């Protein structure tokens, strides 16, 4: 199998270790090994999907209150209570 320099083969680690940042082995690798998934509430997905879909309007609407109002309405529809 041909692999381009700097790319990894599954399970083989980096092809060219010299391309790795200096902090990768001593800082990044241990941090990733200790990392745990953050808790995910039942509403996390609904909030994230709704927020992401409405986010652009907050930056493109003039005035931004219009986008904020639509975000508020969309979140009220997506989330209970």
N, C-alpha and C. Protein backbone atom coordinates (compact mmCIF):
# COMPACT_ATOMS: atom_id res chain seq x y z
N UNK A 1 0.84 -1.17 0.00
CA UNK A 1 0.00 0.00 0.00
C UNK A 1 0.89 1.24 0.00
N UNK A 2 0.60 2.18 -0.87
CA UNK A 2 1.34 3.44 -0.94
C UNK A 2 0.77 4.41 0.09
N UNK A 3 1.63 5.03 0.87
CA UNK A 3 1.21 6.01 1.86
C UNK A 3 2.04 7.26 1.65
N UNK A 4 1.37 8.41 1.59
CA UNK A 4 2.10 9.66 1.42
C UNK A 4 2.83 10.01 2.70
N UNK A 5 3.99 10.63 2.61
CA UNK A 5 4.73 11.02 3.81
C UNK A 5 3.88 11.90 4.72
N UNK A 6 3.95 11.63 6.01
CA UNK A 6 3.19 12.40 6.99
C UNK A 6 1.83 11.83 7.30
N UNK A 7 1.42 10.82 6.57
CA UNK A 7 0.13 10.21 6.82
C UNK A 7 0.31 8.88 7.53
N UNK A 8 -0.68 8.48 8.27
CA UNK A 8 -0.57 7.26 9.08
C UNK A 8 -1.31 6.11 8.42
N UNK A 9 -0.82 4.92 8.70
CA UNK A 9 -1.50 3.70 8.34
C UNK A 9 -2.20 3.24 9.61
N UNK A 10 -3.44 2.80 9.51
CA UNK A 10 -4.19 2.41 10.70
C UNK A 10 -3.39 1.45 11.56
N UNK A 11 -3.17 1.85 12.81
CA UNK A 11 -2.48 1.02 13.77
C UNK A 11 -0.97 1.06 13.68
N UNK A 12 -0.42 1.73 12.67
CA UNK A 12 1.02 1.74 12.49
C UNK A 12 1.68 3.00 13.04
N UNK A 13 0.91 3.99 13.42
CA UNK A 13 1.49 5.24 13.88
C UNK A 13 1.93 6.09 12.70
N UNK A 14 2.47 7.24 12.96
CA UNK A 14 2.89 8.13 11.87
C UNK A 14 3.98 7.51 11.01
N UNK A 15 3.90 7.78 9.74
CA UNK A 15 4.88 7.24 8.80
C UNK A 15 6.23 7.94 9.01
N UNK A 16 6.21 9.25 9.20
CA UNK A 16 7.43 10.03 9.39
C UNK A 16 7.37 10.72 10.75
N UNK A 17 7.95 10.13 11.79
CA UNK A 17 7.90 10.74 13.12
C UNK A 17 8.48 12.14 13.17
N UNK A 18 9.41 12.48 12.27
CA UNK A 18 10.00 13.82 12.26
C UNK A 18 8.97 14.89 11.94
N UNK A 19 7.86 14.52 11.31
CA UNK A 19 6.81 15.47 10.96
C UNK A 19 5.90 15.79 12.15
N UNK A 20 6.03 15.00 13.20
CA UNK A 20 5.19 15.16 14.38
C UNK A 20 5.63 16.41 15.15
N UNK A 21 4.69 17.20 15.68
CA UNK A 21 5.09 18.35 16.49
C UNK A 21 5.86 17.89 17.72
N UNK A 22 6.77 18.72 18.22
CA UNK A 22 7.61 18.36 19.34
C UNK A 22 6.85 18.00 20.60
N UNK A 23 5.69 18.56 20.78
CA UNK A 23 4.91 18.31 21.99
C UNK A 23 4.02 17.07 21.88
N UNK A 24 4.02 16.41 20.74
CA UNK A 24 3.07 15.31 20.51
C UNK A 24 3.26 14.16 21.50
N UNK A 25 4.47 13.68 21.68
CA UNK A 25 4.67 12.51 22.52
C UNK A 25 4.55 12.84 24.00
N UNK A 26 5.10 13.95 24.46
CA UNK A 26 5.12 14.25 25.88
C UNK A 26 3.87 14.92 26.41
N UNK A 27 3.14 15.64 25.56
CA UNK A 27 1.97 16.38 26.03
C UNK A 27 0.68 15.88 25.38
N UNK A 28 0.66 15.88 24.06
CA UNK A 28 -0.57 15.54 23.34
C UNK A 28 -0.99 14.09 23.53
N UNK A 29 -0.07 13.16 23.36
CA UNK A 29 -0.40 11.73 23.50
C UNK A 29 -0.94 11.40 24.89
N UNK A 30 -0.26 11.81 25.98
CA UNK A 30 -0.81 11.51 27.31
C UNK A 30 -2.19 12.16 27.54
N UNK A 31 -2.38 13.37 27.02
CA UNK A 31 -3.68 14.03 27.18
C UNK A 31 -4.77 13.25 26.47
N UNK A 32 -4.48 12.77 25.27
CA UNK A 32 -5.47 11.99 24.53
C UNK A 32 -5.73 10.64 25.19
N UNK A 33 -4.71 10.05 25.79
CA UNK A 33 -4.90 8.77 26.46
C UNK A 33 -5.74 8.91 27.72
N UNK A 34 -5.67 10.06 28.38
CA UNK A 34 -6.46 10.29 29.61
C UNK A 34 -7.84 10.89 29.33
N UNK A 35 -8.07 11.31 28.11
CA UNK A 35 -9.32 11.99 27.77
C UNK A 35 -10.52 11.07 27.95
N UNK A 36 -11.61 11.64 28.39
CA UNK A 36 -12.86 10.90 28.52
C UNK A 36 -13.96 11.69 27.81
N UNK A 37 -14.94 10.99 27.35
CA UNK A 37 -16.07 11.66 26.71
C UNK A 37 -16.83 12.48 27.73
N UNK A 38 -17.25 13.65 27.32
CA UNK A 38 -18.04 14.46 28.24
C UNK A 38 -19.46 13.88 28.29
N UNK A 39 -20.14 14.09 29.40
CA UNK A 39 -21.50 13.56 29.50
C UNK A 39 -22.40 14.19 28.43
N UNK A 40 -23.28 13.40 27.92
CA UNK A 40 -24.19 13.89 26.89
C UNK A 40 -25.61 13.72 27.41
N UNK A 41 -26.29 14.83 27.57
CA UNK A 41 -27.66 14.78 28.05
C UNK A 41 -28.58 14.37 26.91
N UNK A 42 -29.79 13.93 27.21
CA UNK A 42 -30.73 13.56 26.15
C UNK A 42 -31.05 14.72 25.21
N UNK A 43 -30.91 15.97 25.68
CA UNK A 43 -31.26 17.13 24.85
C UNK A 43 -30.06 17.72 24.12
N UNK A 44 -28.87 17.17 24.34
CA UNK A 44 -27.66 17.71 23.74
C UNK A 44 -27.77 17.76 22.21
N UNK A 45 -28.18 16.67 21.62
CA UNK A 45 -28.29 16.61 20.16
C UNK A 45 -29.29 17.59 19.60
N UNK A 46 -30.46 17.69 20.24
CA UNK A 46 -31.49 18.62 19.77
C UNK A 46 -31.00 20.06 19.85
N UNK A 47 -30.35 20.39 20.97
CA UNK A 47 -29.83 21.76 21.12
C UNK A 47 -28.77 22.05 20.07
N UNK A 48 -27.81 21.14 19.92
CA UNK A 48 -26.70 21.37 19.01
C UNK A 48 -27.17 21.52 17.58
N UNK A 49 -28.08 20.65 17.16
CA UNK A 49 -28.59 20.72 15.79
C UNK A 49 -29.35 22.03 15.55
N UNK A 50 -30.19 22.41 16.47
CA UNK A 50 -30.97 23.64 16.33
C UNK A 50 -30.06 24.86 16.36
N UNK A 51 -29.15 24.90 17.31
CA UNK A 51 -28.24 26.04 17.45
C UNK A 51 -27.39 26.20 16.19
N UNK A 52 -26.85 25.10 15.69
CA UNK A 52 -26.00 25.14 14.50
C UNK A 52 -26.78 25.64 13.29
N UNK A 53 -28.01 25.17 13.15
CA UNK A 53 -28.83 25.57 12.01
C UNK A 53 -29.17 27.06 12.04
N UNK A 54 -29.29 27.64 13.22
CA UNK A 54 -29.69 29.03 13.34
C UNK A 54 -28.51 29.98 13.52
N UNK A 55 -27.32 29.47 13.71
CA UNK A 55 -26.17 30.29 14.07
C UNK A 55 -25.82 31.34 13.02
N UNK A 56 -25.86 30.98 11.76
CA UNK A 56 -25.50 31.92 10.70
C UNK A 56 -26.30 33.21 10.72
N UNK A 57 -27.57 33.10 11.06
CA UNK A 57 -28.43 34.29 11.08
C UNK A 57 -27.98 35.30 12.12
N UNK A 58 -27.36 34.85 13.18
CA UNK A 58 -26.90 35.78 14.21
C UNK A 58 -25.81 36.70 13.67
N UNK A 59 -25.09 36.26 12.65
CA UNK A 59 -24.00 37.04 12.09
C UNK A 59 -24.37 37.74 10.80
N UNK A 60 -25.48 37.34 10.17
CA UNK A 60 -25.83 37.94 8.88
C UNK A 60 -27.05 38.84 8.96
N UNK A 61 -27.91 38.68 9.93
CA UNK A 61 -29.10 39.52 10.03
C UNK A 61 -28.75 40.91 10.50
N UNK A 62 -29.49 41.86 10.01
CA UNK A 62 -29.35 43.24 10.46
C UNK A 62 -30.74 43.74 10.79
N UNK A 63 -31.11 43.91 12.00
CA UNK A 63 -30.28 43.79 13.20
C UNK A 63 -30.15 42.34 13.65
N UNK A 64 -29.10 42.02 14.42
CA UNK A 64 -28.90 40.64 14.87
C UNK A 64 -30.01 40.12 15.76
N UNK A 65 -30.80 41.02 16.34
CA UNK A 65 -31.91 40.59 17.22
C UNK A 65 -32.88 39.69 16.46
N UNK A 66 -33.02 39.93 15.17
CA UNK A 66 -33.93 39.10 14.37
C UNK A 66 -33.46 37.65 14.38
N UNK A 67 -32.17 37.43 14.16
CA UNK A 67 -31.61 36.07 14.20
C UNK A 67 -31.71 35.48 15.59
N UNK A 68 -31.49 36.30 16.60
CA UNK A 68 -31.60 35.83 17.98
C UNK A 68 -33.04 35.41 18.28
N UNK A 69 -33.99 36.16 17.77
CA UNK A 69 -35.40 35.82 17.97
C UNK A 69 -35.75 34.49 17.32
N UNK A 70 -35.24 34.27 16.11
CA UNK A 70 -35.50 32.99 15.42
C UNK A 70 -34.82 31.84 16.16
N UNK A 71 -33.63 32.09 16.69
CA UNK A 71 -32.95 31.05 17.46
C UNK A 71 -33.78 30.70 18.70
N UNK A 72 -34.27 31.72 19.38
CA UNK A 72 -35.09 31.49 20.56
C UNK A 72 -36.34 30.68 20.21
N UNK A 73 -37.01 31.03 19.14
CA UNK A 73 -38.21 30.31 18.72
C UNK A 73 -37.88 28.86 18.35
N UNK A 74 -36.80 28.66 17.62
CA UNK A 74 -36.42 27.31 17.20
C UNK A 74 -36.06 26.44 18.40
N UNK A 75 -35.34 27.02 19.37
CA UNK A 75 -34.99 26.25 20.57
C UNK A 75 -36.23 25.91 21.39
N UNK A 76 -37.18 26.83 21.46
CA UNK A 76 -38.42 26.55 22.19
C UNK A 76 -39.20 25.40 21.54
N UNK A 77 -39.15 25.33 20.21
CA UNK A 77 -39.83 24.22 19.50
C UNK A 77 -39.08 22.91 19.70
N UNK A 78 -37.74 22.97 19.73
CA UNK A 78 -36.94 21.74 19.78
C UNK A 78 -36.81 21.16 21.19
N UNK A 79 -36.87 22.01 22.19
CA UNK A 79 -36.63 21.55 23.57
C UNK A 79 -37.91 21.60 24.39
N UNK A 80 -38.14 20.61 25.20
CA UNK A 80 -39.34 20.63 26.06
C UNK A 80 -39.19 21.64 27.19
N UNK A 81 -40.33 22.19 27.60
CA UNK A 81 -40.36 23.07 28.77
C UNK A 81 -39.70 24.33 28.50
